[in-house]
Amino acid sequence: MIKSVLVQRIAARNPHLYQRDVEKIVDAILGVMVTALAHGDRIEIRGFGAFSVKHRPARSGRNPLTGVHVSVEPKNVPVFKSRKEMHKRRNRQE
């Protein structure tokens, strides 16, 4: 799902809100989440999952086109771990 579809679905479920206001709310929530992850904070949404940042150390890699060995810089990557309730909802038979 892309952000515009999310905004449309939220606006459809809340007809008392304008779509532009829903878009501002979604942008604000995502902005706060990105800022928190950039600071290394953990975000937990009960019943859904948790976002955190994982550090990946420098390593030796290989360019898939040329086969040349290259060094890969260390980096921090966002990680999502879903909760048991979400697993049940995602895997239930309909």
PDB file of N, CA and C in Angstrom:
ATOM      1  N   MET A   1       0.858  -1.174   0.000  1.00  0.00           N
ATOM      2  CA  MET A   1       0.000   0.000   0.000  1.00  0.00           C
ATOM      3  C   MET A   1       0.903   1.236   0.000  1.00  0.00           C
ATOM      4  N   ILE A   2       0.534   2.202  -0.794  1.00  0.00           N
ATOM      5  CA  ILE A   2       1.287   3.447  -0.813  1.00  0.00           C
ATOM      6  C   ILE A   2       0.579   4.489   0.055  1.00  0.00           C
ATOM      7  N   LYS A   3       1.301   5.555   0.366  1.00  0.00           N
ATOM      8  CA  LYS A   3       0.782   6.542   1.317  1.00  0.00           C
ATOM      9  C   LYS A   3      -0.539   7.154   0.854  1.00  0.00           C
ATOM     10  N   SER A   4      -0.688   7.433  -0.434  1.00  0.00           N
ATOM     11  CA  SER A   4      -1.923   8.061  -0.915  1.00  0.00           C
ATOM     12  C   SER A   4      -3.130   7.148  -0.711  1.00  0.00           C
ATOM     13  N   VAL A   5      -2.951   5.843  -0.874  1.00  0.00           N
ATOM     14  CA  VAL A   5      -4.042   4.890  -0.645  1.00  0.00           C
ATOM     15  C   VAL A   5      -4.380   4.840   0.841  1.00  0.00           C
ATOM     16  N   LEU A   6      -3.361   4.863   1.695  1.00  0.00           N
ATOM     17  CA  LEU A   6      -3.588   4.891   3.143  1.00  0.00           C
ATOM     18  C   LEU A   6      -4.404   6.127   3.524  1.00  0.00           C
ATOM     19  N   VAL A   7      -4.034   7.279   2.991  1.00  0.00           N
ATOM     20  CA  VAL A   7      -4.762   8.521   3.280  1.00  0.00           C
ATOM     21  C   VAL A   7      -6.210   8.402   2.819  1.00  0.00           C
ATOM     22  N   GLN A   8      -6.440   7.859   1.629  1.00  0.00           N
ATOM     23  CA  GLN A   8      -7.808   7.711   1.109  1.00  0.00           C
ATOM     24  C   GLN A   8      -8.641   6.788   1.986  1.00  0.00           C
ATOM     25  N   ARG A   9      -8.048   5.678   2.447  1.00  0.00           N
ATOM     26  CA  ARG A   9      -8.804   4.734   3.279  1.00  0.00           C
ATOM     27  C   ARG A   9      -9.132   5.326   4.646  1.00  0.00           C
ATOM     28  N   ILE A  10      -8.200   6.060   5.220  1.00  0.00           N
ATOM     29  CA  ILE A  10      -8.471   6.696   6.511  1.00  0.00           C
ATOM     30  C   ILE A  10      -9.552   7.758   6.342  1.00  0.00           C
ATOM     31  N   ALA A  11      -9.468   8.553   5.286  1.00  0.00           N
ATOM     32  CA  ALA A  11     -10.472   9.588   5.030  1.00  0.00           C
ATOM     33  C   ALA A  11     -11.847   8.965   4.794  1.00  0.00           C
ATOM     34  N   ALA A  12     -11.895   7.819   4.110  1.00  0.00           N
ATOM     35  CA  ALA A  12     -13.181   7.149   3.861  1.00  0.00           C
ATOM     36  C   ALA A  12     -13.810   6.644   5.156  1.00  0.00           C
ATOM     37  N   ARG A  13     -12.979   6.201   6.102  1.00  0.00           N
ATOM     38  CA  ARG A  13     -13.502   5.710   7.387  1.00  0.00           C
ATOM     39  C   ARG A  13     -13.866   6.845   8.338  1.00  0.00           C
ATOM     40  N   ASN A  14     -13.388   8.047   8.041  1.00  0.00           N
ATOM     41  CA  ASN A  14     -13.640   9.215   8.889  1.00  0.00           C
ATOM     42  C   ASN A  14     -14.168  10.353   8.032  1.00  0.00           C
ATOM     43  N   PRO A  15     -15.451  10.277   7.619  1.00  0.00           N
ATOM     44  CA  PRO A  15     -15.990  11.277   6.692  1.00  0.00           C
ATOM     45  C   PRO A  15     -16.039  12.689   7.278  1.00  0.00           C
ATOM     46  N   HIS A  16     -15.902  12.834   8.583  1.00  0.00           N
ATOM     47  CA  HIS A  16     -15.910  14.165   9.195  1.00  0.00           C
ATOM     48  C   HIS A  16     -14.570  14.885   9.023  1.00  0.00           C
ATOM     49  N   LEU A  17     -13.544  14.176   8.503  1.00  0.00           N
ATOM     50  CA  LEU A  17     -12.230  14.773   8.266  1.00  0.00           C
ATOM     51  C   LEU A  17     -12.026  15.002   6.772  1.00  0.00           C
ATOM     52  N   TYR A  18     -11.399  16.128   6.458  1.00  0.00           N
ATOM     53  CA  TYR A  18     -11.034  16.386   5.066  1.00  0.00           C
ATOM     54  C   TYR A  18      -9.817  15.546   4.704  1.00  0.00           C
ATOM     55  N   GLN A  19      -9.724  15.149   3.437  1.00  0.00           N
ATOM     56  CA  GLN A  19      -8.611  14.316   2.998  1.00  0.00           C
ATOM     57  C   GLN A  19      -7.276  15.037   3.185  1.00  0.00           C
ATOM     58  N   ARG A  20      -7.238  16.347   2.959  1.00  0.00           N
ATOM     59  CA  ARG A  20      -5.988  17.094   3.128  1.00  0.00           C
ATOM     60  C   ARG A  20      -5.547  17.098   4.590  1.00  0.00           C
ATOM     61  N   ASP A  21      -6.515  17.090   5.530  1.00  0.00           N
ATOM     62  CA  ASP A  21      -6.170  17.035   6.948  1.00  0.00           C
ATOM     63  C   ASP A  21      -5.626  15.651   7.320  1.00  0.00           C
ATOM     64  N   VAL A  22      -6.246  14.609   6.758  1.00  0.00           N
ATOM     65  CA  VAL A  22      -5.762  13.245   6.996  1.00  0.00           C
ATOM     66  C   VAL A  22      -4.334  13.110   6.463  1.00  0.00           C
ATOM     67  N   GLU A  23      -4.068  13.698   5.297  1.00  0.00           N
ATOM     68  CA  GLU A  23      -2.718  13.636   4.724  1.00  0.00           C
ATOM     69  C   GLU A  23      -1.711  14.338   5.627  1.00  0.00           C
ATOM     70  N   LYS A  24      -2.088  15.468   6.208  1.00  0.00           N
ATOM     71  CA  LYS A  24      -1.199  16.176   7.131  1.00  0.00           C
ATOM     72  C   LYS A  24      -0.932  15.335   8.382  1.00  0.00           C
ATOM     73  N   ILE A  25      -1.951  14.649   8.874  1.00  0.00           N
ATOM     74  CA  ILE A  25      -1.799  13.801  10.057  1.00  0.00           C
ATOM     75  C   ILE A  25      -0.854  12.638   9.754  1.00  0.00           C
ATOM     76  N   VAL A  26      -1.061  11.970   8.617  1.00  0.00           N
ATOM     77  CA  VAL A  26      -0.204  10.848   8.234  1.00  0.00           C
ATOM     78  C   VAL A  26       1.237  11.330   8.052  1.00  0.00           C
ATOM     79  N   ASP A  27       1.423  12.484   7.394  1.00  0.00           N
ATOM     80  CA  ASP A  27       2.765  13.043   7.219  1.00  0.00           C
ATOM     81  C   ASP A  27       3.414  13.349   8.564  1.00  0.00           C
ATOM     82  N   ALA A  28       2.631  13.887   9.502  1.00  0.00           N
ATOM     83  CA  ALA A  28       3.170  14.213  10.819  1.00  0.00           C
ATOM     84  C   ALA A  28       3.603  12.954  11.567  1.00  0.00           C
ATOM     85  N   ILE A  29       2.776  11.915  11.523  1.00  0.00           N
ATOM     86  CA  ILE A  29       3.108  10.657  12.202  1.00  0.00           C
ATOM     87  C   ILE A  29       4.367  10.046  11.601  1.00  0.00           C
ATOM     88  N   LEU A  30       4.425   9.977  10.286  1.00  0.00           N
ATOM     89  CA  LEU A  30       5.604   9.406   9.640  1.00  0.00           C
ATOM     90  C   LEU A  30       6.845  10.247   9.898  1.00  0.00           C
ATOM     91  N   GLY A  31       6.694  11.557   9.927  1.00  0.00           N
ATOM     92  CA  GLY A  31       7.816  12.440  10.213  1.00  0.00           C
ATOM     93  C   GLY A  31       8.386  12.218  11.607  1.00  0.00           C
ATOM     94  N   VAL A  32       7.497  12.068  12.586  1.00  0.00           N
ATOM     95  CA  VAL A  32       7.939  11.807  13.956  1.00  0.00           C
ATOM     96  C   VAL A  32       8.638  10.452  14.040  1.00  0.00           C
ATOM     97  N   MET A  33       8.100   9.460  13.331  1.00  0.00           N
ATOM     98  CA  MET A  33       8.718   8.132  13.344  1.00  0.00           C
ATOM     99  C   MET A  33      10.108   8.170  12.715  1.00  0.00           C
ATOM    100  N   VAL A  34      10.261   8.863  11.591  1.00  0.00           N
ATOM    101  CA  VAL A  34      11.563   8.956  10.925  1.00  0.00           C
ATOM    102  C   VAL A  34      12.569   9.674  11.823  1.00  0.00           C
ATOM    103  N   THR A  35      12.135  10.742  12.456  1.00  0.00           N
ATOM    104  CA  THR A  35      13.025  11.490  13.357  1.00  0.00           C
ATOM    105  C   THR A  35      13.460  10.620  14.530  1.00  0.00           C
ATOM    106  N   ALA A  36      12.525   9.873  15.104  1.00  0.00           N
ATOM    107  CA  ALA A  36      12.854   9.005  16.237  1.00  0.00           C
ATOM    108  C   ALA A  36      13.861   7.935  15.823  1.00  0.00           C
ATOM    109  N   LEU A  37      13.642   7.312  14.668  1.00  0.00           N
ATOM    110  CA  LEU A  37      14.580   6.290  14.197  1.00  0.00           C
ATOM    111  C   LEU A  37      15.945   6.896  13.874  1.00  0.00           C
ATOM    112  N   ALA A  38      15.957   8.115  13.345  1.00  0.00           N
ATOM    113  CA  ALA A  38      17.221   8.785  13.043  1.00  0.00           C
ATOM    114  C   ALA A  38      18.025   9.037  14.312  1.00  0.00           C
ATOM    115  N   HIS A  39      17.334   9.218  15.433  1.00  0.00           N
ATOM    116  CA  HIS A  39      18.009   9.410  16.724  1.00  0.00           C
ATOM    117  C   HIS A  39      18.324   8.084  17.415  1.00  0.00           C
ATOM    118  N   GLY A  40      17.965   6.968  16.785  1.00  0.00           N
ATOM    119  CA  GLY A  40      18.246   5.659  17.351  1.00  0.00           C
ATOM    120  C   GLY A  40      17.207   5.159  18.330  1.00  0.00           C
ATOM    121  N   ASP A  41      16.070   5.834  18.404  1.00  0.00           N
ATOM    122  CA  ASP A  41      14.999   5.411  19.309  1.00  0.00           C
ATOM    123  C   ASP A  41      14.239   4.222  18.740  1.00  0.00           C
ATOM    124  N   ARG A  42      13.536   3.525  19.612  1.00  0.00           N
ATOM    125  CA  ARG A  42      12.705   2.393  19.237  1.00  0.00           C
ATOM    126  C   ARG A  42      11.251   2.841  19.265  1.00  0.00           C
ATOM    127  N   ILE A  43      10.465   2.394  18.280  1.00  0.00           N
ATOM    128  CA  ILE A  43       9.047   2.746  18.203  1.00  0.00           C
ATOM    129  C   ILE A  43       8.243   1.466  18.317  1.00  0.00           C
ATOM    130  N   GLU A  44       7.349   1.418  19.301  1.00  0.00           N
ATOM    131  CA  GLU A  44       6.511   0.232  19.477  1.00  0.00           C
ATOM    132  C   GLU A  44       5.057   0.628  19.359  1.00  0.00           C
ATOM    133  N   ILE A  45       4.340  -0.087  18.480  1.00  0.00           N
ATOM    134  CA  ILE A  45       2.903   0.106  18.323  1.00  0.00           C
ATOM    135  C   ILE A  45       2.254  -1.198  18.771  1.00  0.00           C
ATOM    136  N   ARG A  46       1.589  -1.154  19.907  1.00  0.00           N
ATOM    137  CA  ARG A  46       1.024  -2.361  20.518  1.00  0.00           C
ATOM    138  C   ARG A  46       0.094  -3.091  19.567  1.00  0.00           C
ATOM    139  N   GLY A  47       0.271  -4.408  19.477  1.00  0.00           N
ATOM    140  CA  GLY A  47      -0.555  -5.232  18.617  1.00  0.00           C
ATOM    141  C   GLY A  47      -0.145  -5.201  17.160  1.00  0.00           C
ATOM    142  N   PHE A  48       0.800  -4.345  16.805  1.00  0.00           N
ATOM    143  CA  PHE A  48       1.245  -4.226  15.414  1.00  0.00           C
ATOM    144  C   PHE A  48       2.689  -4.663  15.269  1.00  0.00           C
ATOM    145  N   GLY A  49       3.588  -3.978  15.974  1.00  0.00           N
ATOM    146  CA  GLY A  49       4.999  -4.336  15.884  1.00  0.00           C
ATOM    147  C   GLY A  49       5.891  -3.234  16.397  1.00  0.00           C
ATOM    148  N   ALA A  50       7.184  -3.415  16.193  1.00  0.00           N
ATOM    149  CA  ALA A  50       8.161  -2.458  16.685  1.00  0.00           C
ATOM    150  C   ALA A  50       9.181  -2.147  15.595  1.00  0.00           C
ATOM    151  N   PHE A  51       9.516  -0.881  15.498  1.00  0.00           N
ATOM    152  CA  PHE A  51      10.556  -0.414  14.589  1.00  0.00           C
ATOM    153  C   PHE A  51      11.781  -0.084  15.430  1.00  0.00           C
ATOM    154  N   SER A  52      12.948  -0.470  14.953  1.00  0.00           N
ATOM    155  CA  SER A  52      14.180  -0.126  15.642  1.00  0.00           C
ATOM    156  C   SER A  52      15.270   0.065  14.592  1.00  0.00           C
ATOM    157  N   VAL A  53      16.438   0.456  15.062  1.00  0.00           N
ATOM    158  CA  VAL A  53      17.567   0.674  14.170  1.00  0.00           C
ATOM    159  C   VAL A  53      18.643  -0.342  14.514  1.00  0.00           C
ATOM    160  N   LYS A  54      19.178  -0.982  13.490  1.00  0.00           N
ATOM    161  CA  LYS A  54      20.228  -1.982  13.682  1.00  0.00           C
ATOM    162  C   LYS A  54      21.495  -1.475  13.002  1.00  0.00           C
ATOM    163  N   HIS A  55      22.616  -1.597  13.707  1.00  0.00           N
ATOM    164  CA  HIS A  55      23.898  -1.166  13.141  1.00  0.00           C
ATOM    165  C   HIS A  55      24.515  -2.311  12.350  1.00  0.00           C
ATOM    166  N   ARG A  56      24.917  -2.032  11.129  1.00  0.00           N
ATOM    167  CA  ARG A  56      25.618  -3.013  10.308  1.00  0.00           C
ATOM    168  C   ARG A  56      27.067  -2.549  10.174  1.00  0.00           C
ATOM    169  N   PRO A  57      28.021  -3.346  10.625  1.00  0.00           N
ATOM    170  CA  PRO A  57      29.421  -2.923  10.554  1.00  0.00           C
ATOM    171  C   PRO A  57      29.950  -2.939   9.121  1.00  0.00           C
ATOM    172  N   ALA A  58      31.105  -2.324   8.931  1.00  0.00           N
ATOM    173  CA  ALA A  58      31.752  -2.325   7.617  1.00  0.00           C
ATOM    174  C   ALA A  58      32.095  -3.762   7.245  1.00  0.00           C
ATOM    175  N   ARG A  59      32.068  -4.032   5.939  1.00  0.00           N
ATOM    176  CA  ARG A  59      32.366  -5.383   5.479  1.00  0.00           C
ATOM    177  C   ARG A  59      32.906  -5.326   4.061  1.00  0.00           C
ATOM    178  N   SER A  60      33.366  -6.447   3.587  1.00  0.00           N
ATOM    179  CA  SER A  60      33.840  -6.559   2.219  1.00  0.00           C
ATOM    180  C   SER A  60      32.705  -7.126   1.382  1.00  0.00           C
ATOM    181  N   GLY A  61      32.413  -6.477   0.262  1.00  0.00           N
ATOM    182  CA  GLY A  61      31.342  -6.929  -0.612  1.00  0.00           C
ATOM    183  C   GLY A  61      31.860  -7.137  -2.027  1.00  0.00           C
ATOM    184  N   ARG A  62      30.940  -7.433  -2.939  1.00  0.00           N
ATOM    185  CA  ARG A  62      31.316  -7.678  -4.321  1.00  0.00           C
ATOM    186  C   ARG A  62      30.315  -7.004  -5.238  1.00  0.00           C
ATOM    187  N   ASN A  63      30.816  -6.306  -6.239  1.00  0.00           N
ATOM    188  CA  ASN A  63      29.955  -5.696  -7.244  1.00  0.00           C
ATOM    189  C   ASN A  63      29.377  -6.822  -8.104  1.00  0.00           C
ATOM    190  N   PRO A  64      28.031  -6.974  -8.144  1.00  0.00           N
ATOM    191  CA  PRO A  64      27.446  -8.094  -8.882  1.00  0.00           C
ATOM    192  C   PRO A  64      27.654  -8.019 -10.401  1.00  0.00           C
ATOM    193  N   LEU A  65      27.864  -6.842 -10.936  1.00  0.00           N
ATOM    194  CA  LEU A  65      28.074  -6.716 -12.384  1.00  0.00           C
ATOM    195  C   LEU A  65      29.495  -7.072 -12.803  1.00  0.00           C
ATOM    196  N   THR A  66      30.459  -6.553 -12.045  1.00  0.00           N
ATOM    197  CA  THR A  66      31.855  -6.738 -12.457  1.00  0.00           C
ATOM    198  C   THR A  66      32.587  -7.808 -11.667  1.00  0.00           C
ATOM    199  N   GLY A  67      32.079  -8.143 -10.481  1.00  0.00           N
ATOM    200  CA  GLY A  67      32.752  -9.126  -9.644  1.00  0.00           C
ATOM    201  C   GLY A  67      33.891  -8.544  -8.829  1.00  0.00           C
ATOM    202  N   VAL A  68      34.115  -7.241  -8.942  1.00  0.00           N
ATOM    203  CA  VAL A  68      35.195  -6.582  -8.211  1.00  0.00           C
ATOM    204  C   VAL A  68      34.828  -6.478  -6.734  1.00  0.00           C
ATOM    205  N   HIS A  69      35.786  -6.771  -5.864  1.00  0.00           N
ATOM    206  CA  HIS A  69      35.557  -6.638  -4.423  1.00  0.00           C
ATOM    207  C   HIS A  69      35.590  -5.170  -4.037  1.00  0.00           C
ATOM    208  N   VAL A  70      34.608  -4.771  -3.219  1.00  0.00           N
ATOM    209  CA  VAL A  70      34.516  -3.388  -2.750  1.00  0.00           C
ATOM    210  C   VAL A  70      34.292  -3.400  -1.252  1.00  0.00           C
ATOM    211  N   SER A  71      34.657  -2.298  -0.594  1.00  0.00           N
ATOM    212  CA  SER A  71      34.377  -2.210   0.838  1.00  0.00           C
ATOM    213  C   SER A  71      33.039  -1.502   1.026  1.00  0.00           C
ATOM    214  N   VAL A  72      32.224  -2.055   1.890  1.00  0.00           N
ATOM    215  CA  VAL A  72      30.908  -1.496   2.179  1.00  0.00           C
ATOM    216  C   VAL A  72      31.014  -0.767   3.515  1.00  0.00           C
ATOM    217  N   GLU A  73      30.599   0.493   3.515  1.00  0.00           N
ATOM    218  CA  GLU A  73      30.676   1.335   4.710  1.00  0.00           C
ATOM    219  C   GLU A  73      29.720   0.820   5.795  1.00  0.00           C
ATOM    220  N   PRO A  74      30.038   1.106   7.060  1.00  0.00           N
ATOM    221  CA  PRO A  74      29.077   0.758   8.117  1.00  0.00           C
ATOM    222  C   PRO A  74      27.831   1.626   7.980  1.00  0.00           C
ATOM    223  N   LYS A  75      26.696   1.085   8.381  1.00  0.00           N
ATOM    224  CA  LYS A  75      25.462   1.856   8.271  1.00  0.00           C
ATOM    225  C   LYS A  75      24.446   1.390   9.296  1.00  0.00           C
ATOM    226  N   ASN A  76      23.480   2.245   9.531  1.00  0.00           N
ATOM    227  CA  ASN A  76      22.352   1.930  10.396  1.00  0.00           C
ATOM    228  C   ASN A  76      21.140   1.710   9.506  1.00  0.00           C
ATOM    229  N   VAL A  77      20.428   0.610   9.725  1.00  0.00           N
ATOM    230  CA  VAL A  77      19.269   0.283   8.898  1.00  0.00           C
ATOM    231  C   VAL A  77      18.029   0.110   9.786  1.00  0.00           C
ATOM    232  N   PRO A  78      16.859   0.564   9.295  1.00  0.00           N
ATOM    233  CA  PRO A  78      15.630   0.358  10.067  1.00  0.00           C
ATOM    234  C   PRO A  78      15.195  -1.104   9.988  1.00  0.00           C
ATOM    235  N   VAL A  79      14.665  -1.596  11.097  1.00  0.00           N
ATOM    236  CA  VAL A  79      14.214  -2.981  11.190  1.00  0.00           C
ATOM    237  C   VAL A  79      12.802  -2.977  11.766  1.00  0.00           C
ATOM    238  N   PHE A  80      11.928  -3.834  11.216  1.00  0.00           N
ATOM    239  CA  PHE A  80      10.570  -3.965  11.732  1.00  0.00           C
ATOM    240  C   PHE A  80      10.358  -5.393  12.191  1.00  0.00           C
ATOM    241  N   LYS A  81       9.798  -5.544  13.379  1.00  0.00           N
ATOM    242  CA  LYS A  81       9.451  -6.871  13.893  1.00  0.00           C
ATOM    243  C   LYS A  81       7.969  -6.852  14.254  1.00  0.00           C
ATOM    244  N   SER A  82       7.191  -7.700  13.579  1.00  0.00           N
ATOM    245  CA  SER A  82       5.757  -7.727  13.834  1.00  0.00           C
ATOM    246  C   SER A  82       5.446  -8.500  15.107  1.00  0.00           C
ATOM    247  N   ARG A  83       4.306  -8.211  15.679  1.00  0.00           N
ATOM    248  CA  ARG A  83       3.859  -8.851  16.913  1.00  0.00           C
ATOM    249  C   ARG A  83       3.024 -10.087  16.621  1.00  0.00           C
ATOM    250  N   LYS A  84       2.831 -10.898  17.655  1.00  0.00           N
ATOM    251  CA  LYS A  84       2.089 -12.153  17.510  1.00  0.00           C
ATOM    252  C   LYS A  84       0.672 -11.916  16.989  1.00  0.00           C
ATOM    253  N   GLU A  85       0.011 -10.851  17.467  1.00  0.00           N
ATOM    254  CA  GLU A  85      -1.353 -10.569  17.023  1.00  0.00           C
ATOM    255  C   GLU A  85      -1.392 -10.304  15.518  1.00  0.00           C
ATOM    256  N   MET A  86      -0.382  -9.599  15.027  1.00  0.00           N
ATOM    257  CA  MET A  86      -0.341  -9.313  13.596  1.00  0.00           C
ATOM    258  C   MET A  86      -0.087 -10.583  12.798  1.00  0.00           C
ATOM    259  N   HIS A  87       0.768 -11.467  13.306  1.00  0.00           N
ATOM    260  CA  HIS A  87       1.010 -12.746  12.633  1.00  0.00           C
ATOM    261  C   HIS A  87      -0.294 -13.537  12.506  1.00  0.00           C
ATOM    262  N   LYS A  88      -1.073 -13.570  13.584  1.00  0.00           N
ATOM    263  CA  LYS A  88      -2.335 -14.309  13.557  1.00  0.00           C
ATOM    264  C   LYS A  88      -3.290 -13.725  12.529  1.00  0.00           C
ATOM    265  N   ARG A  89      -3.411 -12.398  12.491  1.00  0.00           N
ATOM    266  CA  ARG A  89      -4.325 -11.753  11.551  1.00  0.00           C
ATOM    267  C   ARG A  89      -3.857 -11.934  10.116  1.00  0.00           C
ATOM    268  N   ARG A  90      -2.552 -11.890   9.900  1.00  0.00           N
ATOM    269  CA  ARG A  90      -1.997 -12.005   8.559  1.00  0.00           C
ATOM    270  C   ARG A  90      -2.138 -13.419   8.022  1.00  0.00           C
ATOM    271  N   ASN A  91      -2.065 -14.411   8.890  1.00  0.00           N
ATOM    272  CA  ASN A  91      -2.050 -15.808   8.466  1.00  0.00           C
ATOM    273  C   ASN A  91      -3.390 -16.536   8.610  1.00  0.00           C
ATOM    274  N   ARG A  92      -4.436 -15.865   9.077  1.00  0.00           N
ATOM    275  CA  ARG A  92      -5.701 -16.577   9.240  1.00  0.00           C
ATOM    276  C   ARG A  92      -6.354 -16.830   7.888  1.00  0.00           C
ATOM    277  N   GLN A  93      -7.049 -17.935   7.829  1.00  0.00           N
ATOM    278  CA  GLN A  93      -7.744 -18.343   6.600  1.00  0.00           C
ATOM    279  C   GLN A  93      -9.055 -17.584   6.510  1.00  0.00           C
ATOM    280  N   GLU A  94      -9.384 -17.091   5.314  1.00  0.00           N
ATOM    281  CA  GLU A  94     -10.673 -16.391   5.134  1.00  0.00           C
ATOM    282  C   GLU A  94     -11.576 -17.170   4.248  1.00  0.00           C
TER     283      GLU A  94
END
